[in-house]
Amino acid sequence: MLIFSDTTNQTHRQSFCGEAPLMTETSDHTSVPASVVTQIPFLVIFKDLTHVFSKDAIGREILGIAFPAALALAADPIASLIDTAYIGRLGAVELAAVGVSIAIFNQASRITIFPIVSVTTSFVAQEDTMEKMKEDEAKKNKLVHANTLAVQDSLEKGIASPTSNNINQPQQTPALDAKPSCGNKANKKEKKNIKSASTAMIIGLILGLVQAIVLIFSSKVLLGVMGVKPNSAVLSPAHKYLTIRSLGAPALLLSLSMQGIFRGFKDTKTPLYATIVADVINIILDPIFIFVLHLGVSGAAIAHVISQYFMTLILFIRLASKVNLMPPNFGALQFGKFLKNGGLLLARTIAVTFCQTLAAAMAARLGTIPMAAFQICLQVWLTTSLLADGLAVAGQAILACSFAEKDYNKVSSAASRVLQMGFVLGLGLSVFVGLGLYFGAGIFTKDPAVIHLIAIGIPFVAATQPINSLAFVLDGVNFGASDFAYTAYSMVGVAAISIAAIIYMAKFNGFLGIWIALTIYMGLRAITGIARIATGTGPWRYLRGRSPSSY
């Protein structure tokens, strides 16, 4: 009996998210591998630095999540470019109308999308891991109980001893639970019961309905705020497009909440497939509704809404096959937990959005040419972040799972690896963006004055890529640690300093000053993002051998 129990316990010391070394007990009764405890927590960032390009287990897991996530994030902008090309054939008025309408819709969506997706990913990963741990523990207890009964029966009959039983049939013990619990494949026999998944979908649907109602009934007011005058030719097509496009808000936010759920399961391929199918449908329907049916901008909006509902349907069907979406009772849902942490990330999102909007506003005050150059540089600056966001998604999902399992060795390995990959990615983007803007600025404009200002901005746009990549990946790392309060408060502090810097530098240094201020802004984001790890505080207290649950 003793031999069986020891074998079983060793089997279950394996991490649910992968292999981990044996744990040691610290003074506060928290299992922490001796290999991750350090007097200088900052050094964990350089853990296994020479293996940054290795195709080992952690490297394959990160890339397996990050690559599909990055492709999914990049698919929508590409589809939007094709969408814009169709609308552009209608004329300048229609193109301007759709442009301002999309800006309003995206801004409203951004405020609600980011918090719910980020919170959902972490909570689903944690809950899924805990449920699998419970299942695994139940299996272990069942095996121990069955073995005990068998031994007792053998002893009563005087047939064999416990030791001989285990020796004769050693393969039966680990065979039933050899697989780690925190994998990407769902249990084929039973659906998962993940309360946070149901909660996220309900909140996503409610937010989508609220957004649709607000945009539909205040579309003319919002267009006026954006500078569209009542007598402008842009007003009528912009109002039509925004009103129809708003009907897709419930589908959009529901689909994004489901994407957060899939990310929590470490499944970024399903959202990628759904995104590609939806974008293809949109691209096919666009010319039919716009030109064949002669619906103009309304047809473009209808095509987009239809594609969004198709995407939602695909994700719902796939999710329903894996998860029991009907909660046992309404009280089992986690609205308080979601609203608290989602509210924190909402404040963070507003702070980020305000900094970028203020920079654009200060550039607009400088005149048409500086504004045109700023917009080109800004779009390139932000678009390149999509690849880093893929790494952020991978880091968040893996860390949320590993923290739930208390597999601190994997937490350290995953965090250091995604940060190292992010920095290397940033270096590559720095060269690509620098050369691309220097030789390809003419693709965006033929105005010599605008090209001249772009050349002034290139050093900042290119040189900050490693900083940007680190900042974005650190967001995922901190979200994976469920350190939502710190990320929100620190971002508000960064925004306060950055706002002052943008106003001051724009006033005295113009276009150049704005980019200096934005560099300060991203630098502060990276510094505050890495501060928790570097100081071994908050959820990273384990680096000092202390319990992260007590922070």
Foldseek 3Di string as FASTA:
>chain_A
DVVLVVVLVVLVQQFLLGGFDFFDQDPVRATFRPVLADPFLLCLLCVPVVCLVPPDPLNVLLCLQLVLQLLLVVLVVVLVVLLLVLLVVVDDLSSVLVVLLVVVVVVLCLLQLVLLLLLLLLLLLLQQLVVLSVVLVVVLVVVVVVLVVVQVVCVVVVNDHSVVVCVVPVPPSCPVPNRRRLALDFDQPDAAARQSLLQSLVVLLVSLVVQLVCCLVCVLVSVVVVPQDPPHPNRPSSNLLNNLLSVLSSLQSNLSSLCSNSLLSSHSNQLSVLSNQLSVQLSVQSCCQCPVVVPRSNSNSNSNSVSSNSSSVSSVVVNVSHHVSDHPDPVSHDNVVSCVLSVLVSLLSVLVVVLVVLLLVLQVVVDDLSNLLVVVLVCLLVSLLSSLLSSLSSLLSSLSNCVSSSSVVVLSVSLSSSLSVLLVSLLVQLVVQLVCLLPPVVVSHPDPSSSVLNNLLSCLSRVCSSLSSLLSSLVSNCSSLVVSNQLSVQSNVLSVVLSVQQVVQCVPPNSNSSSVSVSSSSNSSNCSSCVCSSVCDALSVCNNPDHNVVD
